[in-house]
Amino acid sequence: MPKILRSLVMACGLVLALPLAAPASAATSVYISVNTPPPALRVYQQPLCPGPGYVWTPGYWAWNGAWYWVPGAWVVAPIGMLWTPGYWGWGGSAYTWHAGYWGPRVGYYGGINYGYGYFGSGYSGGYWRDRHFYYNRSVNHVDVTRVHNVYRRDVHVTVNRVSYNGGHGGTRARPSARDVDYARQHHRSMPHAQQQHVDHAATQQRPRSPAHEASRNNNDSRHSPSHGSGHAPQHRTQAPQRAPQSGHHSQPRSSSHGSAPHHAPTPKPQHRTSSSPQRHQANSPAQRHAAPPKRQDDHRHQQPH
């Protein structure tokens, strides 16, 4: 019995050890705080928009005892509503999660450059008009055969993958008085399908450390979600091309002796008696391409074909 009571006390201690922050809006209630900052935002490609009425919600880091990645997703938006992404912010003693929400405009999200329209302030990916959403093709991956309400407006941004606000190395953006007032208003939280997407990510992905993510992003940093291009960048792997070699012959070399370097033009043969016919240089094209006599004890002067 004492053993069971000790287990219950430890479990309660784990729950109470998670400090809670004041909610940013009436639609949210609980936040988690962590002592270590999240890793850098992942480099990824935005999938194709499924159809009209979807709004992009960017990927972010979540915490369930360790960091795990919640991929971005297209979500059927409430008519006239835009998504304000959540963000991690330094609160003086820990990094606190401020959950995202739906509202008539995009509010403050910590100055985080999530990419694809969410470049730290506001949203440049589209807008509502007459109950229809119009997509900016410069920052969204949209198929015009499926979605006809499109336009193009280029956006110039500074590429970075900082995933939190404040603290050491975080963004320095601060909310305006209008942002603070808007955050206090009533907003809509995630719909059920969007929440299911987050829950699924928590069960499917292994937790990652910041060091692991830094190595992962360095291996694939040619494209960034912060780019203004709306079309998902295509990652193509090409075989390394060998630089052209100088010389007069371009026949492929034999693989049995490795890739020996190309030698300077062969000097004129010296007429002298030798017991090894392989050391004489060929004087005609036919002789050069003829197979030399086999010799097992000396391959030093064979010319690769």
C-alpha atoms as a PDB file:
ATOM      1  CA  MET A   1       0.000   0.000   0.000  1.00  0.00           C
ATOM      2  CA  PRO A   2       2.723   2.566   0.815  1.00  0.00           C
ATOM      3  CA  LYS A   3       4.318   1.775  -2.557  1.00  0.00           C
ATOM      4  CA  ILE A   4       1.071   2.630  -4.395  1.00  0.00           C
ATOM      5  CA  LEU A   5       0.734   5.894  -2.475  1.00  0.00           C
ATOM      6  CA  ARG A   6       4.290   6.884  -3.354  1.00  0.00           C
ATOM      7  CA  SER A   7       3.527   6.284  -7.055  1.00  0.00           C
ATOM      8  CA  LEU A   8       0.432   8.484  -6.870  1.00  0.00           C
ATOM      9  CA  VAL A   9       2.370  11.266  -5.187  1.00  0.00           C
ATOM     10  CA  MET A  10       5.073  11.126  -7.881  1.00  0.00           C
ATOM     11  CA  ALA A  11       2.444  11.243 -10.645  1.00  0.00           C
ATOM     12  CA  CYS A  12       0.812  14.295  -9.074  1.00  0.00           C
ATOM     13  CA  GLY A  13       4.193  15.927  -8.738  1.00  0.00           C
ATOM     14  CA  LEU A  14       4.805  15.563 -12.514  1.00  0.00           C
ATOM     15  CA  VAL A  15       1.522  17.282 -13.295  1.00  0.00           C
ATOM     16  CA  LEU A  16       2.093  20.111 -10.861  1.00  0.00           C
ATOM     17  CA  ALA A  17       5.623  20.609 -12.159  1.00  0.00           C
ATOM     18  CA  LEU A  18       4.222  21.982 -15.435  1.00  0.00           C
ATOM     19  CA  PRO A  19       3.661  25.712 -14.847  1.00  0.00           C
ATOM     20  CA  LEU A  20       0.650  27.179 -16.587  1.00  0.00           C
ATOM     21  CA  ALA A  21       0.580  30.552 -18.295  1.00  0.00           C
ATOM     22  CA  ALA A  22      -2.343  32.913 -18.636  1.00  0.00           C
ATOM     23  CA  PRO A  23      -4.352  32.212 -21.801  1.00  0.00           C
ATOM     24  CA  ALA A  24      -3.896  34.574 -24.737  1.00  0.00           C
ATOM     25  CA  SER A  25      -7.541  34.400 -25.765  1.00  0.00           C
ATOM     26  CA  ALA A  26     -10.902  33.253 -24.499  1.00  0.00           C
ATOM     27  CA  ALA A  27     -10.788  30.254 -26.841  1.00  0.00           C
ATOM     28  CA  THR A  28      -7.750  28.691 -25.135  1.00  0.00           C
ATOM     29  CA  SER A  29      -7.134  27.693 -21.549  1.00  0.00           C
ATOM     30  CA  VAL A  30      -4.007  25.613 -20.883  1.00  0.00           C
ATOM     31  CA  TYR A  31      -0.392  26.067 -21.957  1.00  0.00           C
ATOM     32  CA  ILE A  32       2.753  24.043 -21.312  1.00  0.00           C
ATOM     33  CA  SER A  33       6.077  25.568 -20.311  1.00  0.00           C
ATOM     34  CA  VAL A  34       9.487  24.010 -20.996  1.00  0.00           C
ATOM     35  CA  ASN A  35      12.948  24.969 -19.766  1.00  0.00           C
ATOM     36  CA  THR A  36      14.718  24.353 -23.097  1.00  0.00           C
ATOM     37  CA  PRO A  37      13.885  26.129 -26.379  1.00  0.00           C
ATOM     38  CA  PRO A  38      12.517  24.165 -29.352  1.00  0.00           C
ATOM     39  CA  PRO A  39      14.811  23.204 -32.262  1.00  0.00           C
ATOM     40  CA  ALA A  40      14.974  25.211 -35.474  1.00  0.00           C
ATOM     41  CA  LEU A  41      11.949  25.024 -37.739  1.00  0.00           C
ATOM     42  CA  ARG A  42      12.108  22.152 -40.175  1.00  0.00           C
ATOM     43  CA  VAL A  43      12.751  22.566 -43.882  1.00  0.00           C
ATOM     44  CA  TYR A  44       9.793  21.084 -45.753  1.00  0.00           C
ATOM     45  CA  GLN A  45       7.680  21.400 -48.883  1.00  0.00           C
ATOM     46  CA  GLN A  46       4.113  22.634 -48.781  1.00  0.00           C
ATOM     47  CA  PRO A  47       1.713  20.051 -50.261  1.00  0.00           C
ATOM     48  CA  LEU A  48      -0.719  21.012 -52.986  1.00  0.00           C
ATOM     49  CA  CYS A  49      -3.851  22.822 -51.837  1.00  0.00           C
ATOM     50  CA  PRO A  50      -6.723  20.264 -51.950  1.00  0.00           C
ATOM     51  CA  GLY A  51      -9.314  22.766 -53.176  1.00  0.00           C
ATOM     52  CA  PRO A  52     -11.178  26.016 -52.492  1.00  0.00           C
ATOM     53  CA  GLY A  53     -11.797  27.030 -48.899  1.00  0.00           C
ATOM     54  CA  TYR A  54      -8.653  25.497 -47.416  1.00  0.00           C
ATOM     55  CA  VAL A  55      -6.213  27.672 -45.464  1.00  0.00           C
ATOM     56  CA  TRP A  56      -2.624  26.661 -44.711  1.00  0.00           C
ATOM     57  CA  THR A  57      -1.647  26.102 -41.067  1.00  0.00           C
ATOM     58  CA  PRO A  58       2.168  25.905 -40.729  1.00  0.00           C
ATOM     59  CA  GLY A  59       4.203  23.216 -39.013  1.00  0.00           C
ATOM     60  CA  TYR A  60       5.610  23.778 -35.535  1.00  0.00           C
ATOM     61  CA  TRP A  61       7.266  22.075 -32.569  1.00  0.00           C
ATOM     62  CA  ALA A  62       5.175  20.579 -29.755  1.00  0.00           C
ATOM     63  CA  TRP A  63       6.148  19.074 -26.408  1.00  0.00           C
ATOM     64  CA  ASN A  64       5.038  15.868 -24.680  1.00  0.00           C
ATOM     65  CA  GLY A  65       8.103  15.217 -22.554  1.00  0.00           C
ATOM     66  CA  ALA A  66      10.328  15.712 -25.613  1.00  0.00           C
ATOM     67  CA  TRP A  67      10.116  17.799 -28.775  1.00  0.00           C
ATOM     68  CA  TYR A  68       8.141  16.394 -31.699  1.00  0.00           C
ATOM     69  CA  TRP A  69       7.182  17.977 -35.018  1.00  0.00           C
ATOM     70  CA  VAL A  70       3.585  18.728 -36.015  1.00  0.00           C
ATOM     71  CA  PRO A  71       3.546  18.961 -39.834  1.00  0.00           C
ATOM     72  CA  GLY A  72       1.792  21.830 -41.547  1.00  0.00           C
ATOM     73  CA  ALA A  73      -1.621  21.072 -43.034  1.00  0.00           C
ATOM     74  CA  TRP A  74      -4.362  22.500 -45.222  1.00  0.00           C
ATOM     75  CA  VAL A  75      -7.490  22.988 -43.085  1.00  0.00           C
ATOM     76  CA  VAL A  76     -11.042  23.770 -44.134  1.00  0.00           C
ATOM     77  CA  ALA A  77     -11.345  27.237 -42.630  1.00  0.00           C
ATOM     78  CA  PRO A  78     -14.455  28.688 -41.014  1.00  0.00           C
ATOM     79  CA  ILE A  79     -15.923  31.155 -43.517  1.00  0.00           C
ATOM     80  CA  GLY A  80     -14.226  34.528 -43.165  1.00  0.00           C
ATOM     81  CA  MET A  81     -11.684  33.251 -40.610  1.00  0.00           C
ATOM     82  CA  LEU A  82      -7.867  33.281 -40.721  1.00  0.00           C
ATOM     83  CA  TRP A  83      -5.406  31.222 -38.692  1.00  0.00           C
ATOM     84  CA  THR A  84      -3.052  32.778 -36.154  1.00  0.00           C
ATOM     85  CA  PRO A  85      -0.250  30.239 -35.580  1.00  0.00           C
ATOM     86  CA  GLY A  86       0.779  29.309 -32.078  1.00  0.00           C
ATOM     87  CA  TYR A  87       4.291  30.072 -30.863  1.00  0.00           C
ATOM     88  CA  TRP A  88       6.761  29.407 -28.069  1.00  0.00           C
ATOM     89  CA  GLY A  89       7.722  32.481 -26.049  1.00  0.00           C
ATOM     90  CA  TRP A  90      10.172  33.071 -23.228  1.00  0.00           C
ATOM     91  CA  GLY A  91       8.330  34.034 -20.060  1.00  0.00           C
ATOM     92  CA  GLY A  92      11.284  34.862 -17.817  1.00  0.00           C
ATOM     93  CA  SER A  93      11.784  31.364 -16.396  1.00  0.00           C
ATOM     94  CA  ALA A  94      10.583  28.995 -19.131  1.00  0.00           C
ATOM     95  CA  TYR A  95       9.374  28.805 -22.726  1.00  0.00           C
ATOM     96  CA  THR A  96       5.590  28.856 -22.818  1.00  0.00           C
ATOM     97  CA  TRP A  97       3.358  27.648 -25.636  1.00  0.00           C
ATOM     98  CA  HIS A  98       0.725  30.133 -26.840  1.00  0.00           C
ATOM     99  CA  ALA A  99      -1.816  28.145 -28.822  1.00  0.00           C
ATOM    100  CA  GLY A 100      -3.066  29.218 -32.253  1.00  0.00           C
ATOM    101  CA  TYR A 101      -6.640  30.219 -33.012  1.00  0.00           C
ATOM    102  CA  TRP A 102      -9.073  31.245 -35.766  1.00  0.00           C
ATOM    103  CA  GLY A 103     -10.321  34.809 -36.045  1.00  0.00           C
ATOM    104  CA  PRO A 104     -11.301  37.557 -38.501  1.00  0.00           C
ATOM    105  CA  ARG A 105      -7.642  38.575 -38.871  1.00  0.00           C
ATOM    106  CA  VAL A 106      -4.192  37.175 -38.067  1.00  0.00           C
ATOM    107  CA  GLY A 107      -2.887  38.239 -34.691  1.00  0.00           C
ATOM    108  CA  TYR A 108       0.519  38.236 -33.069  1.00  0.00           C
ATOM    109  CA  TYR A 109       2.526  34.998 -33.301  1.00  0.00           C
ATOM    110  CA  GLY A 110       5.885  35.958 -31.870  1.00  0.00           C
ATOM    111  CA  GLY A 111       7.534  37.180 -35.049  1.00  0.00           C
ATOM    112  CA  ILE A 112       8.207  33.556 -36.067  1.00  0.00           C
ATOM    113  CA  ASN A 113       8.901  33.121 -39.776  1.00  0.00           C
ATOM    114  CA  TYR A 114       6.883  29.969 -40.442  1.00  0.00           C
ATOM    115  CA  GLY A 115       6.963  30.560 -44.194  1.00  0.00           C
ATOM    116  CA  TYR A 116       4.276  30.108 -46.857  1.00  0.00           C
ATOM    117  CA  GLY A 117       2.621  33.426 -46.054  1.00  0.00           C
ATOM    118  CA  TYR A 118       3.397  33.531 -42.315  1.00  0.00           C
ATOM    119  CA  PHE A 119       6.584  35.577 -42.340  1.00  0.00           C
ATOM    120  CA  GLY A 120       6.526  36.874 -38.759  1.00  0.00           C
ATOM    121  CA  SER A 121       3.713  39.417 -38.922  1.00  0.00           C
ATOM    122  CA  GLY A 122       0.284  39.129 -40.506  1.00  0.00           C
ATOM    123  CA  TYR A 123      -0.454  36.783 -43.396  1.00  0.00           C
ATOM    124  CA  SER A 124       0.380  37.315 -47.076  1.00  0.00           C
ATOM    125  CA  GLY A 125      -0.967  33.978 -48.332  1.00  0.00           C
ATOM    126  CA  GLY A 126      -4.496  35.131 -49.162  1.00  0.00           C
ATOM    127  CA  TYR A 127      -7.681  36.874 -48.074  1.00  0.00           C
ATOM    128  CA  TRP A 128     -11.469  36.439 -47.911  1.00  0.00           C
ATOM    129  CA  ARG A 129     -13.899  38.232 -50.194  1.00  0.00           C
ATOM    130  CA  ASP A 130     -17.612  37.459 -50.612  1.00  0.00           C
ATOM    131  CA  ARG A 131     -17.281  34.155 -48.729  1.00  0.00           C
ATOM    132  CA  HIS A 132     -14.498  33.008 -51.068  1.00  0.00           C
ATOM    133  CA  PHE A 133     -10.820  32.691 -50.209  1.00  0.00           C
ATOM    134  CA  TYR A 134      -8.287  34.071 -52.696  1.00  0.00           C
ATOM    135  CA  TYR A 135      -4.813  32.494 -52.779  1.00  0.00           C
ATOM    136  CA  ASN A 136      -1.506  34.233 -53.388  1.00  0.00           C
ATOM    137  CA  ARG A 137       0.313  31.907 -55.779  1.00  0.00           C
ATOM    138  CA  SER A 138       3.668  33.462 -54.864  1.00  0.00           C
ATOM    139  CA  VAL A 139       3.584  31.857 -51.409  1.00  0.00           C
ATOM    140  CA  ASN A 140       1.160  28.940 -51.827  1.00  0.00           C
ATOM    141  CA  HIS A 141       1.304  25.713 -53.812  1.00  0.00           C
ATOM    142  CA  VAL A 142      -1.988  25.962 -55.727  1.00  0.00           C
ATOM    143  CA  ASP A 143      -3.249  24.071 -58.772  1.00  0.00           C
ATOM    144  CA  VAL A 144      -5.214  26.585 -60.859  1.00  0.00           C
ATOM    145  CA  THR A 145      -7.257  23.763 -62.420  1.00  0.00           C
ATOM    146  CA  ARG A 146      -8.725  23.111 -58.964  1.00  0.00           C
ATOM    147  CA  VAL A 147      -8.622  26.579 -57.439  1.00  0.00           C
ATOM    148  CA  HIS A 148      -9.614  29.565 -59.600  1.00  0.00           C
ATOM    149  CA  ASN A 149      -9.538  32.371 -57.030  1.00  0.00           C
ATOM    150  CA  VAL A 150      -5.843  33.160 -57.291  1.00  0.00           C
ATOM    151  CA  TYR A 151      -3.557  36.162 -57.646  1.00  0.00           C
ATOM    152  CA  ARG A 152       0.180  36.774 -57.503  1.00  0.00           C
ATOM    153  CA  ARG A 153       1.957  39.188 -55.182  1.00  0.00           C
ATOM    154  CA  ASP A 154       5.667  38.717 -54.494  1.00  0.00           C
ATOM    155  CA  VAL A 155       6.909  38.890 -50.915  1.00  0.00           C
ATOM    156  CA  HIS A 156      10.530  39.559 -49.966  1.00  0.00           C
ATOM    157  CA  VAL A 157      11.596  38.141 -46.610  1.00  0.00           C
ATOM    158  CA  THR A 158      14.725  37.270 -44.659  1.00  0.00           C
ATOM    159  CA  VAL A 159      15.235  33.527 -44.439  1.00  0.00           C
ATOM    160  CA  ASN A 160      15.604  32.091 -40.916  1.00  0.00           C
ATOM    161  CA  ARG A 161      14.297  29.103 -38.962  1.00  0.00           C
ATOM    162  CA  VAL A 162      14.128  30.492 -35.413  1.00  0.00           C
ATOM    163  CA  SER A 163      11.191  28.742 -33.742  1.00  0.00           C
ATOM    164  CA  TYR A 164      10.625  30.771 -30.567  1.00  0.00           C
ATOM    165  CA  ASN A 165      10.320  34.321 -29.286  1.00  0.00           C
ATOM    166  CA  GLY A 166      12.523  35.919 -26.618  1.00  0.00           C
ATOM    167  CA  GLY A 167      15.167  34.263 -24.487  1.00  0.00           C
ATOM    168  CA  HIS A 168      18.605  33.470 -25.883  1.00  0.00           C
ATOM    169  CA  GLY A 169      18.581  33.437 -29.695  1.00  0.00           C
ATOM    170  CA  GLY A 170      14.846  33.958 -30.101  1.00  0.00           C
ATOM    171  CA  THR A 171      13.035  36.525 -32.219  1.00  0.00           C
ATOM    172  CA  ARG A 172      12.702  40.038 -30.774  1.00  0.00           C
ATOM    173  CA  ALA A 173       9.259  40.944 -32.080  1.00  0.00           C
ATOM    174  CA  ARG A 174       6.841  42.447 -29.578  1.00  0.00           C
ATOM    175  CA  PRO A 175       3.052  42.722 -29.871  1.00  0.00           C
ATOM    176  CA  SER A 176       1.529  46.088 -30.619  1.00  0.00           C
ATOM    177  CA  ALA A 177      -1.252  47.550 -28.488  1.00  0.00           C
ATOM    178  CA  ARG A 178      -3.687  46.447 -31.196  1.00  0.00           C
ATOM    179  CA  ASP A 179      -2.282  42.903 -31.064  1.00  0.00           C
ATOM    180  CA  VAL A 180      -2.637  42.766 -27.284  1.00  0.00           C
ATOM    181  CA  ASP A 181      -6.240  43.927 -27.473  1.00  0.00           C
ATOM    182  CA  TYR A 182      -7.029  41.444 -30.240  1.00  0.00           C
ATOM    183  CA  ALA A 183      -5.494  38.543 -28.270  1.00  0.00           C
ATOM    184  CA  ARG A 184      -7.910  39.237 -25.408  1.00  0.00           C
ATOM    185  CA  GLN A 185     -10.964  38.888 -27.623  1.00  0.00           C
ATOM    186  CA  HIS A 186     -12.907  35.680 -28.134  1.00  0.00           C
ATOM    187  CA  HIS A 187     -11.541  33.408 -30.883  1.00  0.00           C
ATOM    188  CA  ARG A 188     -12.213  29.954 -32.230  1.00  0.00           C
ATOM    189  CA  SER A 189      -9.878  27.159 -31.238  1.00  0.00           C
ATOM    190  CA  MET A 190      -8.911  24.214 -33.440  1.00  0.00           C
ATOM    191  CA  PRO A 191     -11.790  22.279 -34.993  1.00  0.00           C
ATOM    192  CA  HIS A 192     -11.910  18.552 -34.318  1.00  0.00           C
ATOM    193  CA  ALA A 193     -10.175  17.509 -37.550  1.00  0.00           C
ATOM    194  CA  GLN A 194      -7.305  19.913 -36.935  1.00  0.00           C
ATOM    195  CA  GLN A 195      -6.884  18.672 -33.364  1.00  0.00           C
ATOM    196  CA  GLN A 196      -6.834  15.089 -34.624  1.00  0.00           C
ATOM    197  CA  HIS A 197      -3.958  16.015 -36.926  1.00  0.00           C
ATOM    198  CA  VAL A 198      -1.963  17.284 -33.931  1.00  0.00           C
ATOM    199  CA  ASP A 199      -2.772  14.189 -31.845  1.00  0.00           C
ATOM    200  CA  HIS A 200      -1.761  11.919 -34.722  1.00  0.00           C
ATOM    201  CA  ALA A 201       1.613  13.673 -35.004  1.00  0.00           C
ATOM    202  CA  ALA A 202       2.265  13.053 -31.304  1.00  0.00           C
ATOM    203  CA  THR A 203       1.749   9.304 -31.721  1.00  0.00           C
ATOM    204  CA  GLN A 204       3.497   8.806 -35.067  1.00  0.00           C
ATOM    205  CA  GLN A 205       6.744  10.718 -34.691  1.00  0.00           C
ATOM    206  CA  ARG A 206       9.676   9.972 -32.457  1.00  0.00           C
ATOM    207  CA  PRO A 207      10.841  12.823 -30.226  1.00  0.00           C
ATOM    208  CA  ARG A 208      13.860  14.718 -31.589  1.00  0.00           C
ATOM    209  CA  SER A 209      16.614  16.568 -29.807  1.00  0.00           C
ATOM    210  CA  PRO A 210      17.736  20.043 -30.926  1.00  0.00           C
ATOM    211  CA  ALA A 211      21.151  18.617 -31.911  1.00  0.00           C
ATOM    212  CA  HIS A 212      19.513  16.008 -34.141  1.00  0.00           C
ATOM    213  CA  GLU A 213      17.337  18.614 -35.834  1.00  0.00           C
ATOM    214  CA  ALA A 214      20.286  20.933 -36.454  1.00  0.00           C
ATOM    215  CA  SER A 215      22.066  18.099 -38.269  1.00  0.00           C
ATOM    216  CA  ARG A 216      18.907  17.238 -40.216  1.00  0.00           C
ATOM    217  CA  ASN A 217      18.342  20.803 -41.405  1.00  0.00           C
ATOM    218  CA  ASN A 218      21.989  21.261 -42.367  1.00  0.00           C
ATOM    219  CA  ASN A 219      21.740  18.240 -44.654  1.00  0.00           C
ATOM    220  CA  ASP A 220      18.790  19.743 -46.521  1.00  0.00           C
ATOM    221  CA  SER A 221      19.122  23.515 -46.354  1.00  0.00           C
ATOM    222  CA  ARG A 222      18.966  24.429 -50.041  1.00  0.00           C
ATOM    223  CA  HIS A 223      15.303  25.417 -49.713  1.00  0.00           C
ATOM    224  CA  SER A 224      13.501  27.029 -46.835  1.00  0.00           C
ATOM    225  CA  PRO A 225       9.807  27.487 -45.965  1.00  0.00           C
ATOM    226  CA  SER A 226      10.674  31.166 -45.669  1.00  0.00           C
ATOM    227  CA  HIS A 227      11.138  31.501 -49.422  1.00  0.00           C
ATOM    228  CA  GLY A 228       8.621  33.637 -51.225  1.00  0.00           C
ATOM    229  CA  SER A 229       7.950  30.998 -53.887  1.00  0.00           C
ATOM    230  CA  GLY A 230       4.573  29.403 -53.423  1.00  0.00           C
ATOM    231  CA  HIS A 231       5.499  26.310 -55.374  1.00  0.00           C
ATOM    232  CA  ALA A 232       7.012  23.580 -53.271  1.00  0.00           C
ATOM    233  CA  PRO A 233      10.708  23.305 -54.124  1.00  0.00           C
ATOM    234  CA  GLN A 234      11.641  20.107 -55.909  1.00  0.00           C
ATOM    235  CA  HIS A 235      14.501  18.236 -54.286  1.00  0.00           C
ATOM    236  CA  ARG A 236      16.398  16.395 -56.985  1.00  0.00           C
ATOM    237  CA  THR A 237      19.430  14.264 -56.337  1.00  0.00           C
ATOM    238  CA  GLN A 238      21.873  14.087 -59.229  1.00  0.00           C
ATOM    239  CA  ALA A 239      24.823  11.783 -59.559  1.00  0.00           C
ATOM    240  CA  PRO A 240      28.103  13.681 -59.298  1.00  0.00           C
ATOM    241  CA  GLN A 241      29.542  14.426 -62.702  1.00  0.00           C
ATOM    242  CA  ARG A 242      33.213  13.737 -63.306  1.00  0.00           C
ATOM    243  CA  ALA A 243      35.159  16.647 -64.663  1.00  0.00           C
ATOM    244  CA  PRO A 244      36.368  16.195 -68.262  1.00  0.00           C
ATOM    245  CA  GLN A 245      39.918  14.918 -68.468  1.00  0.00           C
ATOM    246  CA  SER A 246      42.562  16.419 -70.672  1.00  0.00           C
ATOM    247  CA  GLY A 247      44.286  14.368 -73.331  1.00  0.00           C
ATOM    248  CA  HIS A 248      43.666  12.949 -76.789  1.00  0.00           C
ATOM    249  CA  HIS A 249      41.787   9.757 -75.921  1.00  0.00           C
ATOM    250  CA  SER A 250      38.272   9.522 -74.461  1.00  0.00           C
ATOM    251  CA  GLN A 251      37.826   5.742 -74.252  1.00  0.00           C
ATOM    252  CA  PRO A 252      36.439   4.511 -70.914  1.00  0.00           C
ATOM    253  CA  ARG A 253      39.051   3.196 -68.522  1.00  0.00           C
ATOM    254  CA  SER A 254      39.072  -0.334 -67.215  1.00  0.00           C
ATOM    255  CA  SER A 255      37.637  -0.700 -63.708  1.00  0.00           C
ATOM    256  CA  SER A 256      39.922  -3.585 -62.828  1.00  0.00           C
ATOM    257  CA  HIS A 257      42.843  -1.232 -62.145  1.00  0.00           C
ATOM    258  CA  GLY A 258      40.877   1.703 -60.699  1.00  0.00           C
ATOM    259  CA  SER A 259      40.711   5.147 -62.226  1.00  0.00           C
ATOM    260  CA  ALA A 260      44.363   5.801 -63.006  1.00  0.00           C
ATOM    261  CA  PRO A 261      45.218   9.401 -63.892  1.00  0.00           C
ATOM    262  CA  HIS A 262      45.725  10.269 -67.529  1.00  0.00           C
ATOM    263  CA  HIS A 263      49.397  10.403 -68.477  1.00  0.00           C
ATOM    264  CA  ALA A 264      51.160  12.842 -70.729  1.00  0.00           C
ATOM    265  CA  PRO A 265      51.465  11.923 -74.428  1.00  0.00           C
ATOM    266  CA  THR A 266      53.552   8.787 -74.879  1.00  0.00           C
ATOM    267  CA  PRO A 267      57.144   9.542 -75.901  1.00  0.00           C
ATOM    268  CA  LYS A 268      58.554   8.079 -79.055  1.00  0.00           C
ATOM    269  CA  PRO A 269      59.584   4.431 -78.614  1.00  0.00           C
ATOM    270  CA  GLN A 270      63.249   3.716 -78.088  1.00  0.00           C
ATOM    271  CA  HIS A 271      64.583   0.949 -80.272  1.00  0.00           C
ATOM    272  CA  ARG A 272      66.262  -1.391 -77.970  1.00  0.00           C
ATOM    273  CA  THR A 273      66.174  -5.069 -77.328  1.00  0.00           C
ATOM    274  CA  SER A 274      63.971  -6.141 -74.452  1.00  0.00           C
ATOM    275  CA  SER A 275      62.650  -9.447 -73.220  1.00  0.00           C
ATOM    276  CA  SER A 276      59.317  -7.866 -72.254  1.00  0.00           C
ATOM    277  CA  PRO A 277      57.152  -7.030 -75.320  1.00  0.00           C
ATOM    278  CA  GLN A 278      54.688  -5.149 -73.077  1.00  0.00           C
ATOM    279  CA  ARG A 279      57.186  -2.320 -72.532  1.00  0.00           C
ATOM    280  CA  HIS A 280      57.260  -1.361 -76.223  1.00  0.00           C
ATOM    281  CA  GLN A 281      54.843   1.417 -77.149  1.00  0.00           C
ATOM    282  CA  ALA A 282      52.409   0.863 -80.025  1.00  0.00           C
ATOM    283  CA  ASN A 283      53.220   2.829 -83.215  1.00  0.00           C
ATOM    284  CA  SER A 284      49.837   2.614 -84.961  1.00  0.00           C
ATOM    285  CA  PRO A 285      46.155   2.899 -83.916  1.00  0.00           C
ATOM    286  CA  ALA A 286      45.631  -0.785 -84.612  1.00  0.00           C
ATOM    287  CA  GLN A 287      48.524  -1.685 -82.404  1.00  0.00           C
ATOM    288  CA  ARG A 288      47.362   0.661 -79.653  1.00  0.00           C
ATOM    289  CA  HIS A 289      43.953  -1.030 -79.466  1.00  0.00           C
ATOM    290  CA  ALA A 290      45.284  -4.544 -79.752  1.00  0.00           C
ATOM    291  CA  ALA A 291      45.194  -6.580 -76.557  1.00  0.00           C
ATOM    292  CA  PRO A 292      48.717  -6.895 -75.136  1.00  0.00           C
ATOM    293  CA  PRO A 293      50.092 -10.349 -74.300  1.00  0.00           C
ATOM    294  CA  LYS A 294      49.092 -11.526 -70.860  1.00  0.00           C
ATOM    295  CA  ARG A 295      51.722 -11.314 -68.167  1.00  0.00           C
ATOM    296  CA  GLN A 296      51.019 -12.153 -64.562  1.00  0.00           C
ATOM    297  CA  ASP A 297      54.163 -10.782 -62.947  1.00  0.00           C
ATOM    298  CA  ASP A 298      54.226  -7.209 -64.234  1.00  0.00           C
ATOM    299  CA  HIS A 299      51.297  -4.793 -64.806  1.00  0.00           C
ATOM    300  CA  ARG A 300      53.165  -1.602 -64.138  1.00  0.00           C
ATOM    301  CA  HIS A 301      53.347  -0.389 -67.748  1.00  0.00           C
ATOM    302  CA  GLN A 302      50.033  -1.598 -69.157  1.00  0.00           C
ATOM    303  CA  GLN A 303      48.030   1.263 -70.748  1.00  0.00           C
ATOM    304  CA  PRO A 304      44.318   1.241 -69.740  1.00  0.00           C
ATOM    305  CA  HIS A 305      41.874   1.109 -72.616  1.00  0.00           C
END
